Protein backbone atom coordinates (compact mmCIF):
# COMPACT_ATOMS: atom_id res chain seq x y z
CA MET A 1 -17.69 -43.13 -0.22
CA LYS A 2 -17.74 -39.54 -0.43
CA ASP A 3 -20.95 -37.42 -0.17
CA THR A 4 -22.60 -36.03 -3.26
CA ILE A 5 -22.67 -32.26 -2.94
CA VAL A 6 -24.64 -29.67 -4.68
CA ALA A 7 -24.17 -25.71 -4.91
CA ILE A 8 -25.14 -22.88 -6.96
CA ALA A 9 -22.08 -21.86 -9.07
CA THR A 10 -23.14 -18.54 -10.26
CA PRO A 11 -23.09 -15.33 -8.07
CA PRO A 12 -25.94 -14.59 -5.72
CA GLY A 13 -28.73 -12.30 -7.02
CA ARG A 14 -30.97 -11.95 -10.19
CA GLY A 15 -29.32 -12.96 -13.56
CA GLY A 16 -30.38 -14.15 -16.83
CA VAL A 17 -28.73 -17.69 -16.33
CA GLY A 18 -28.13 -19.64 -12.91
CA ILE A 19 -26.01 -22.73 -12.91
CA ILE A 20 -26.37 -25.49 -10.24
CA ARG A 21 -23.53 -28.23 -9.98
CA ILE A 22 -23.91 -31.61 -8.56
CA SER A 23 -20.76 -33.64 -7.88
CA GLY A 24 -20.20 -37.12 -6.41
CA PRO A 25 -20.91 -40.79 -6.69
CA GLU A 26 -24.68 -40.50 -6.48
CA ALA A 27 -24.82 -37.56 -9.16
CA THR A 28 -25.86 -40.28 -11.71
CA LEU A 29 -28.29 -42.35 -9.56
CA LYS A 30 -31.86 -42.32 -10.05
CA SER A 31 -32.78 -40.70 -6.86
CA ILE A 32 -30.87 -37.47 -7.92
CA SER A 33 -30.43 -37.27 -11.51
CA LEU A 34 -33.71 -38.58 -12.83
CA GLU A 35 -36.28 -37.73 -9.98
CA LEU A 36 -34.88 -34.22 -10.16
CA LEU A 37 -35.76 -34.14 -13.83
CA GLU A 38 -39.19 -34.44 -15.71
CA ASN A 39 -39.79 -37.83 -17.25
CA THR A 40 -40.24 -37.08 -20.97
CA SER A 41 -39.99 -40.68 -22.13
CA LYS A 42 -42.34 -43.46 -21.92
CA ASN A 43 -39.44 -46.04 -21.50
CA PRO A 44 -38.41 -47.05 -17.88
CA ARG A 45 -36.45 -44.22 -16.38
CA GLN A 46 -32.67 -44.83 -16.48
CA PHE A 47 -29.69 -42.59 -16.78
CA SER A 48 -28.86 -42.33 -20.33
CA PHE A 49 -27.17 -39.04 -20.75
CA GLU A 50 -23.99 -39.07 -22.90
CA PRO A 51 -21.02 -37.32 -21.46
CA ARG A 52 -20.46 -33.57 -22.34
CA GLN A 53 -23.64 -33.47 -24.50
CA THR A 54 -26.50 -30.78 -23.82
CA TYR A 55 -29.99 -31.80 -23.05
CA PHE A 56 -33.17 -29.58 -22.41
CA ARG A 57 -34.97 -30.68 -19.41
CA ARG A 58 -37.31 -29.39 -16.82
CA VAL A 59 -36.58 -29.76 -13.11
CA VAL A 60 -39.72 -30.96 -11.07
CA ASP A 61 -40.47 -31.13 -7.23
CA SER A 62 -42.00 -34.08 -5.48
CA LEU A 63 -45.32 -33.80 -6.80
CA ASN A 64 -44.02 -33.53 -10.32
CA ARG A 65 -44.56 -29.84 -10.77
CA VAL A 66 -42.20 -28.04 -12.80
CA ILE A 67 -39.66 -25.67 -10.88
CA ASP A 68 -37.62 -24.63 -13.93
CA GLU A 69 -36.46 -25.59 -17.28
CA GLY A 70 -33.03 -25.24 -18.86
CA LEU A 71 -30.05 -27.25 -20.17
CA VAL A 72 -28.55 -30.33 -18.49
CA ILE A 73 -24.83 -31.50 -18.98
CA TYR A 74 -23.26 -34.58 -17.66
CA PHE A 75 -19.38 -35.02 -17.22
CA ALA A 76 -18.33 -38.54 -16.42
CA ALA A 77 -15.63 -39.40 -13.97
CA PRO A 78 -12.82 -39.00 -14.11
CA SER A 79 -12.92 -36.67 -17.02
CA SER A 80 -14.42 -33.87 -15.17
CA PHE A 81 -13.47 -30.73 -13.13
CA THR A 82 -13.71 -32.74 -9.72
CA GLY A 83 -12.68 -36.01 -11.11
CA GLU A 84 -16.23 -37.35 -10.01
CA HIS A 85 -19.45 -37.55 -11.76
CA ILE A 86 -21.03 -34.03 -12.30
CA LEU A 87 -24.29 -33.16 -13.27
CA GLU A 88 -24.83 -29.44 -14.05
CA PHE A 89 -28.15 -27.58 -14.69
CA GLN A 90 -28.22 -24.22 -16.41
CA GLY A 91 -31.59 -22.70 -15.70
CA HIS A 92 -33.05 -19.05 -15.02
CA GLY A 93 -30.94 -17.03 -12.58
CA GLY A 94 -33.71 -15.81 -10.23
CA PRO A 95 -32.71 -16.52 -6.56
CA VAL A 96 -36.15 -18.19 -5.80
CA VAL A 97 -35.86 -20.49 -8.56
CA MET A 98 -32.23 -21.31 -7.84
CA ASP A 99 -32.95 -22.00 -4.34
CA ALA A 100 -35.99 -24.21 -5.04
CA VAL A 101 -33.87 -26.38 -7.42
CA LEU A 102 -31.19 -26.58 -4.80
CA GLN A 103 -33.53 -27.41 -2.13
CA ARG A 104 -34.98 -30.31 -4.31
CA ALA A 105 -31.52 -31.69 -5.00
CA VAL A 106 -30.78 -31.70 -1.22
CA GLN A 107 -34.19 -33.48 -0.63
CA LEU A 108 -33.00 -36.22 -3.05
CA GLY A 109 -29.93 -36.89 -1.07
CA ALA A 110 -27.07 -34.28 -1.96
CA ARG A 111 -25.66 -32.31 0.70
CA LEU A 112 -24.68 -28.52 0.31
CA ALA A 113 -21.23 -27.92 -0.56
CA ARG A 114 -18.76 -26.03 1.69
CA PRO A 115 -16.85 -23.10 0.17
CA GLY A 116 -14.28 -24.29 -2.23
CA GLU A 117 -15.17 -27.86 -1.99
CA PHE A 118 -15.48 -28.60 -5.54
CA SER A 119 -11.93 -27.29 -6.08
CA GLU A 120 -10.83 -29.19 -3.14
CA ARG A 121 -12.11 -32.36 -4.69
CA ALA A 122 -10.30 -31.49 -7.87
CA PHE A 123 -7.11 -31.27 -5.86
CA LEU A 124 -7.66 -34.47 -3.73
CA ASN A 125 -8.59 -36.35 -6.84
CA ASP A 126 -5.21 -35.20 -8.59
CA LYS A 127 -6.88 -33.14 -11.29
CA ILE A 128 -5.00 -30.02 -10.15
CA ASP A 129 -2.26 -29.32 -7.60
CA LEU A 130 -2.64 -26.61 -4.87
CA VAL A 131 -1.06 -23.71 -6.75
CA GLN A 132 -3.54 -24.36 -9.57
CA ALA A 133 -6.53 -24.65 -7.10
CA GLU A 134 -5.38 -21.19 -5.62
CA ALA A 135 -5.04 -19.83 -9.15
CA ILE A 136 -8.80 -20.49 -9.57
CA ALA A 137 -9.60 -18.06 -6.60
CA ASP A 138 -6.96 -15.62 -7.89
CA LEU A 139 -8.68 -15.65 -11.48
CA ILE A 140 -12.07 -14.86 -9.73
CA ASP A 141 -10.64 -12.20 -7.68
CA SER A 142 -8.44 -10.41 -10.22
CA SER A 143 -8.31 -6.81 -9.92
CA SER A 144 -6.68 -5.97 -13.13
CA GLN A 145 -6.12 -7.69 -16.67
CA GLN A 146 -2.60 -8.38 -15.97
CA ALA A 147 -3.42 -10.21 -12.79
CA ALA A 148 -6.14 -12.24 -14.74
CA ARG A 149 -3.76 -13.23 -17.33
CA CYS A 150 -1.03 -14.22 -14.78
CA ALA A 151 -3.62 -16.26 -12.78
CA VAL A 152 -4.64 -18.04 -16.03
CA ARG A 153 -0.90 -19.09 -16.44
CA SER A 154 -0.63 -20.50 -12.85
CA LEU A 155 -3.99 -22.44 -13.67
CA GLN A 156 -2.41 -23.80 -16.67
CA GLY A 157 0.63 -25.00 -14.59
CA VAL A 158 3.35 -22.52 -15.48
CA PHE A 159 4.44 -21.95 -11.73
CA SER A 160 3.89 -25.49 -10.89
CA LYS A 161 6.26 -26.82 -13.83
CA LYS A 162 8.93 -24.43 -12.28
CA ILE A 163 8.48 -26.06 -8.90
CA HIS A 164 8.59 -29.50 -10.38
CA ALA A 165 11.74 -28.84 -12.23
CA LEU A 166 13.26 -27.39 -9.09
CA ASN A 167 12.12 -30.62 -7.25
CA GLU A 168 13.85 -32.85 -9.96
CA LEU A 169 17.10 -31.05 -9.37
CA LEU A 170 16.78 -31.42 -5.50
CA ILE A 171 15.89 -35.15 -5.77
CA LEU A 172 19.20 -35.76 -8.00
CA LEU A 173 21.30 -34.02 -5.37
CA ARG A 174 19.60 -35.90 -2.59
CA THR A 175 20.50 -39.10 -4.43
CA TYR A 176 24.42 -38.25 -4.33
CA THR A 177 24.10 -37.44 -0.86
CA GLU A 178 22.23 -40.40 0.34
CA ALA A 179 24.29 -42.63 -1.80
CA SER A 180 27.46 -41.25 0.09
CA ILE A 181 25.89 -41.99 3.34
CA ASP A 182 24.55 -45.32 2.60
CA PHE A 183 27.70 -46.69 0.85
CA PRO A 184 30.57 -45.37 2.66
CA GLU A 185 32.71 -48.23 1.70
CA GLU A 186 32.81 -47.29 -2.04
CA GLU A 187 35.86 -45.87 -3.54
CA VAL A 188 33.94 -43.00 -5.06
CA ASP A 189 33.18 -40.36 -2.49
CA PHE A 190 30.19 -38.50 -3.87
CA LEU A 191 30.40 -35.49 -1.51
CA SER A 192 33.89 -34.77 -2.47
CA ASN A 193 33.09 -34.77 -6.22
CA SER A 194 32.97 -31.23 -7.41
CA GLN A 195 29.69 -31.98 -9.48
CA VAL A 196 27.88 -31.92 -6.13
CA ALA A 197 28.90 -28.52 -5.23
CA ILE A 198 28.21 -27.48 -8.80
CA GLN A 199 24.71 -28.90 -8.77
CA LEU A 200 23.88 -27.57 -5.47
CA THR A 201 25.00 -23.93 -6.78
CA GLU A 202 22.79 -24.39 -9.79
CA LEU A 203 19.70 -25.25 -7.57
CA MET A 204 20.42 -22.25 -5.55
CA ASP A 205 20.57 -20.03 -8.60
CA GLN A 206 17.23 -21.46 -10.03
CA LEU A 207 15.65 -20.87 -6.63
CA ALA A 208 16.55 -17.29 -6.62
CA LEU A 209 15.38 -16.77 -10.10
CA ILE A 210 11.97 -18.33 -9.13
CA ARG A 211 11.81 -16.58 -6.02
CA ASN A 212 12.14 -13.07 -7.96
CA GLU A 213 9.37 -14.12 -10.27
CA ALA A 214 7.03 -15.32 -7.51
CA CYS A 215 7.73 -12.09 -5.80
CA GLN A 216 6.56 -10.11 -8.83
CA GLY A 217 3.55 -12.62 -9.15
CA SER A 218 2.53 -11.80 -5.49
CA VAL A 219 2.57 -8.03 -5.99
CA ILE A 220 0.40 -8.63 -9.16
CA ASN A 221 -1.93 -10.80 -7.15
CA GLU A 222 -2.30 -9.18 -3.89
CA GLY A 223 -1.29 -5.49 -4.72
CA ILE A 224 0.10 -3.10 -2.29
CA ASN A 225 -1.23 -0.85 0.48
CA VAL A 226 -0.11 2.64 0.02
CA VAL A 227 -0.90 5.00 2.94
CA ILE A 228 -0.81 8.90 2.51
CA SER A 229 0.09 10.80 5.62
CA GLY A 230 1.46 14.23 6.47
CA PRO A 231 0.30 17.35 8.14
CA PRO A 232 -3.30 19.07 7.61
CA ASN A 233 -3.96 20.77 4.41
CA ALA A 234 -1.08 19.59 2.53
CA GLY A 235 -3.07 17.91 -0.17
CA LYS A 236 -3.30 14.42 1.03
CA SER A 237 -7.21 14.03 0.20
CA SER A 238 -6.50 15.90 -3.16
CA LEU A 239 -4.11 13.38 -4.12
CA LEU A 240 -6.23 10.43 -3.13
CA ASN A 241 -8.83 11.85 -5.48
CA TYR A 242 -6.52 12.58 -8.36
CA LEU A 243 -5.07 9.00 -8.23
CA SER A 244 -8.48 7.29 -8.00
CA GLY A 245 -10.23 9.74 -10.35
CA LEU A 246 -12.90 9.91 -7.95
CA ASP A 247 -14.10 12.59 -5.42
CA SER A 248 -13.75 10.10 -2.64
CA ALA A 249 -12.44 12.57 0.03
CA ILE A 250 -13.99 15.99 0.95
CA VAL A 251 -11.19 18.88 -0.07
CA THR A 252 -11.82 22.12 2.06
CA ASP A 253 -9.35 24.82 3.35
CA ILE A 254 -10.21 23.87 6.77
CA PRO A 255 -7.51 21.78 8.49
CA GLY A 256 -8.59 18.53 9.87
CA THR A 257 -11.38 17.79 7.39
CA THR A 258 -10.40 14.15 7.03
CA ARG A 259 -11.08 12.26 10.15
CA ASP A 260 -11.38 8.72 9.24
CA LEU A 261 -9.45 6.36 6.88
CA LEU A 262 -10.55 6.57 3.31
CA ARG A 263 -9.67 3.73 0.90
CA GLU A 264 -9.61 3.37 -2.89
CA LYS A 265 -8.48 0.80 -5.09
CA ILE A 266 -6.46 1.72 -8.33
CA VAL A 267 -4.41 0.11 -10.93
CA ILE A 268 -1.19 1.56 -12.20
CA ASP A 269 0.00 -0.06 -15.29
CA GLY A 270 -1.07 -3.23 -13.98
CA LEU A 271 -0.06 -2.94 -10.46
CA PRO A 272 -3.15 -3.16 -7.92
CA VAL A 273 -2.77 -0.41 -5.43
CA ASN A 274 -4.96 0.10 -2.12
CA ILE A 275 -4.61 3.84 -1.49
CA ILE A 276 -5.38 4.80 2.25
CA ASP A 277 -5.96 8.75 2.99
CA THR A 278 -5.35 9.36 6.56
CA ALA A 279 -6.18 12.17 9.05
CA GLY A 280 -3.70 15.09 9.19
CA LEU A 281 -1.09 14.75 11.77
CA ARG A 282 -1.02 17.46 14.61
CA GLU A 283 -1.80 18.25 18.10
CA SER A 284 -5.49 18.22 18.81
CA ASP A 285 -7.93 18.59 21.30
CA GLU A 286 -11.09 17.27 19.55
CA VAL A 287 -11.80 13.61 20.45
CA VAL A 288 -12.94 12.59 16.94
CA GLU A 289 -9.80 14.00 15.38
CA GLN A 290 -7.55 12.25 18.07
CA GLU A 291 -9.22 9.01 17.05
CA GLY A 292 -8.68 9.60 13.35
CA ILE A 293 -4.88 10.38 14.22
CA LYS A 294 -4.54 7.27 15.94
CA ARG A 295 -6.15 5.07 13.32
CA ALA A 296 -3.68 6.77 10.86
CA LYS A 297 -0.62 5.69 12.72
CA VAL A 298 -1.99 2.06 12.88
CA ALA A 299 -2.36 2.14 9.26
CA LEU A 300 1.19 3.43 8.74
CA GLU A 301 2.51 0.51 10.60
CA GLN A 302 0.59 -1.94 8.32
CA ALA A 303 1.43 -0.18 5.12
CA ASP A 304 3.82 -1.30 2.11
CA GLN A 305 4.48 1.97 1.11
CA ILE A 306 3.80 5.59 2.84
CA ILE A 307 3.54 8.88 0.96
CA PHE A 308 4.42 11.83 3.07
CA VAL A 309 2.70 14.92 1.65
CA SER A 310 3.79 18.57 2.60
CA ASP A 311 2.94 21.95 1.46
CA GLY A 312 5.72 23.05 -0.79
CA SER A 313 4.25 26.47 -1.06
CA GLU A 314 5.53 27.35 2.43
CA ASP A 315 9.02 26.20 1.33
CA ASN A 316 11.56 27.96 3.61
CA ASP A 317 14.53 26.56 5.76
CA THR A 318 12.58 26.52 8.86
CA GLY A 319 9.42 24.95 7.49
CA ASP A 320 11.46 22.36 5.57
CA ASP A 321 13.17 21.32 8.55
CA GLN A 322 10.05 20.78 10.36
CA ARG A 323 8.63 18.66 7.76
CA LEU A 324 11.69 16.60 7.43
CA LYS A 325 11.42 16.16 11.05
CA LEU A 326 8.02 14.78 11.15
CA LEU A 327 8.78 12.65 8.05
CA GLN A 328 11.70 10.98 10.07
CA GLU A 329 9.38 10.45 13.00
CA LEU A 330 6.82 8.66 10.67
CA ALA A 331 9.79 6.47 9.15
CA ILE A 332 9.32 2.68 9.97
CA ASP A 333 11.88 0.13 9.28
CA ASN A 334 11.73 -1.75 6.26
CA ILE A 335 8.57 0.40 4.74
CA PRO A 336 9.64 2.51 1.71
CA MET A 337 8.76 6.14 2.04
CA ILE A 338 8.07 8.89 -0.78
CA TRP A 339 8.11 12.44 0.44
CA VAL A 340 5.76 14.39 -1.92
CA ASN A 341 6.47 18.28 -1.85
CA ASN A 342 2.96 19.40 -3.14
CA LYS A 343 1.54 22.69 -4.62
CA LEU A 344 4.43 22.97 -7.33
CA ASP A 345 2.09 25.43 -9.01
CA LEU A 346 2.61 27.96 -6.20
CA MET A 347 6.35 27.46 -5.95
CA ALA A 348 9.04 29.76 -7.38
CA GLN A 349 10.72 26.73 -9.31
CA GLN A 350 7.70 25.13 -11.19
CA LYS A 351 9.36 22.11 -12.55
CA PRO A 352 8.56 18.58 -11.27
CA SER A 353 11.74 16.72 -9.74
CA LEU A 354 12.71 13.51 -8.11
CA CYS A 355 15.56 13.10 -5.58
CA VAL A 356 16.31 9.71 -4.23
CA GLU A 357 17.78 9.95 -0.69
CA LYS A 358 19.04 6.98 1.39
CA LYS A 359 15.99 6.72 3.57
CA PHE A 360 13.26 8.23 1.07
CA SER A 361 12.45 9.64 -2.33
CA LYS A 362 11.42 13.46 -2.47
CA ILE A 363 9.23 14.41 -5.39
CA CYS A 364 8.22 17.90 -6.23
CA LEU A 365 4.74 17.95 -7.91
CA SER A 366 1.23 19.62 -8.07
CA VAL A 367 -1.87 17.63 -7.55
CA LYS A 368 -3.85 20.68 -8.88
CA THR A 369 -2.21 20.64 -12.25
CA GLY A 370 -1.20 17.06 -12.37
CA GLN A 371 2.53 18.19 -12.96
CA GLY A 372 4.96 15.39 -11.59
CA ILE A 373 2.30 12.72 -10.84
CA GLU A 374 3.83 10.23 -13.45
CA LEU A 375 7.04 10.63 -11.30
CA LEU A 376 5.03 9.50 -8.32
CA THR A 377 3.43 6.55 -9.85
CA GLU A 378 6.75 5.49 -11.52
CA GLN A 379 8.44 5.64 -8.03
CA ILE A 380 5.57 3.72 -6.51
CA LYS A 381 6.14 0.72 -9.05
CA LYS A 382 9.86 1.04 -8.73
CA LEU A 383 9.67 0.67 -4.87
CA ALA A 384 7.21 -2.15 -5.23
CA GLY A 385 9.69 -4.04 -7.31
CA PHE A 386 7.12 -4.26 -10.10
CA ASN A 387 7.97 -4.65 -13.71
CA GLU A 388 5.96 -4.95 -16.86
CA VAL A 389 3.88 -8.19 -16.98
CA GLY A 390 5.88 -10.76 -19.40
CA GLU A 391 4.45 -13.64 -21.24
CA GLY A 392 5.89 -16.13 -18.52
CA SER A 393 4.41 -14.24 -15.62
CA TYR A 394 2.25 -16.01 -13.07
CA THR A 395 0.38 -15.36 -9.78
CA ALA A 396 1.99 -16.13 -6.33
CA ARG A 397 0.82 -15.91 -2.87
CA ARG A 398 2.54 -15.02 0.41
CA ARG A 399 2.62 -18.54 1.46
CA HIS A 400 4.51 -19.43 -1.74
CA LEU A 401 7.30 -16.83 -0.87
CA ASP A 402 7.49 -18.01 2.70
CA ALA A 403 8.01 -21.70 1.56
CA LEU A 404 10.57 -20.53 -0.86
CA ASP A 405 12.38 -18.65 1.75
CA ARG A 406 12.61 -21.62 3.81
CA VAL A 407 13.87 -23.77 1.08
CA SER A 408 16.70 -21.03 0.38
CA GLU A 409 17.72 -21.22 3.97
CA ASN A 410 17.79 -24.95 3.98
CA LEU A 411 19.95 -24.94 0.86
CA GLN A 412 22.34 -22.41 2.37
CA ASP A 413 22.69 -24.71 5.43
CA ALA A 414 23.27 -27.70 3.12
CA GLN A 415 26.06 -25.76 1.38
CA MET A 416 27.65 -25.15 4.69
CA GLN A 417 27.58 -28.72 5.81
CA LEU A 418 28.99 -29.82 2.35
CA GLN A 419 31.84 -27.55 2.85
CA SER A 420 32.48 -29.10 6.33
CA GLY A 421 32.01 -32.71 5.07
CA ALA A 422 29.01 -33.51 7.28
CA GLY A 423 26.93 -35.49 4.84
CA GLU A 424 24.13 -36.68 7.18
CA LEU A 425 23.43 -33.19 8.20
CA MET A 426 23.49 -31.94 4.51
CA ALA A 427 20.96 -34.75 3.70
CA GLU A 428 18.66 -33.52 6.47
CA GLU A 429 18.74 -30.09 5.23
CA LEU A 430 17.91 -31.17 1.61
CA ARG A 431 15.16 -33.38 2.94
CA LEU A 432 13.57 -30.26 4.61
CA ALA A 433 14.11 -28.15 1.45
CA GLN A 434 12.18 -30.73 -0.51
CA GLN A 435 9.35 -30.83 2.06
CA ALA A 436 9.24 -27.01 2.02
CA LEU A 437 9.05 -27.04 -1.75
CA GLY A 438 6.19 -29.73 -1.71
CA GLU A 439 4.08 -27.58 0.49
CA ILE A 440 3.75 -25.11 -2.49
CA THR A 441 2.04 -27.71 -5.05
CA GLY A 442 0.45 -29.65 -2.17
CA GLU A 443 2.62 -32.76 -2.01
CA PHE A 444 3.33 -32.07 1.59
CA SER A 445 0.32 -30.35 3.11
CA SER A 446 -1.59 -30.33 6.57
CA ASP A 447 -5.45 -30.40 6.74
CA ASP A 448 -5.36 -27.10 8.67
CA LEU A 449 -3.41 -25.49 5.35
CA LEU A 450 -6.02 -27.03 3.21
CA GLY A 451 -8.88 -25.90 5.12
CA SER A 452 -7.60 -22.39 5.02
CA ILE A 453 -6.92 -22.22 1.79
CA PHE A 454 -10.31 -23.71 0.47
CA SER A 455 -12.53 -21.97 2.92
CA SER A 456 -11.62 -18.63 1.29
CA PHE A 457 -13.19 -19.83 -2.00
CA CYS A 458 -16.71 -18.82 -2.90
CA ILE A 459 -19.41 -21.61 -2.73
CA GLY A 460 -19.89 -23.50 -5.81
CA LYS A 461 -16.20 -23.40 -6.91
């Protein structure tokens, strides 16, 4: 029998309402449900709450003194969030009051819940799959309205249904393959049947489509890290302040003002972006500035995109060559780079422009006047592979993309085995593909994976 768990389900701190949730087999027993609440009836005490009905009750301590008063709701198993009996008390949101009610429930036999344990029990009791469980945390942590809407769709099962549909195609294909291996004496050679090749191609096409959608969902959910770099006094901190709408960074004419990493979170048309301003790159004898430059280089290696800012008012052949050389030194394989030639308002040609090169994009703009900033934000979205959020969009995580990549590799190997007529090897690749696919929804999952996922949830969820 599982323990009965209890937790405060509302955020810590003071609030008008605080919610305490009790889940487990003992939630309806006298020791917890009734001794926790004041006896308002002359009849013998017994559990008589109707499911999903609201009751006004007082919570009392061991001496029958009132701790708090509020509303009590009972959710009967299996028709509850966790699939177990749940008793929920909605009282006043003071931390002292909430803690007193919590400790009283523990005194009566409940155990303090671990982070994410309510959602974990919902998963283990087949109320939700792993994708839906993760969508709960994603919904709580949403950094934009678009991300919240996508998380709701994942919670409603949009992503899961696509994975299940893909799994059905995979099962059908495995059926043909296994039949060819198990019944070689039959006149029909399943593997030589063109329908098998057609189904495998269809499966791979569907996988590619879902992979693209999941990649979009991952960008919406997790956002991207954009690191601003370049020489001192080019306008890096001014760009951070403009994009964030805050005076986060100190802006002066003195080179080397920024020493440490400055971070701000913004949303560009629904795309969450973590902007990181760094120290200007130059030779320096100051210990503090040297440390700032060292941290800047570490941040560049961890970036999803790099914005290299230069002073366009000093635009001449020699200066441009030097800036291009510095930009090339900063270039990191597979990290998109945008060269921002700033201070357009001081240039001879005062017109924003975008030029897409092979290894980087070059944008002429003015942070001071805002000219060309829209070109920059559009390029950030384009390089992130971000499109407008559609009605069918859903959130995804990096582990989902990794699993889909493994499925794709297995299917490509299966296609090679099919062409060579190696049925048994093809069957093994299809089995591995289905196992990787099952990791997404939790059909196949290790205890370590579950522990890692649910430990990131807030307590009480």
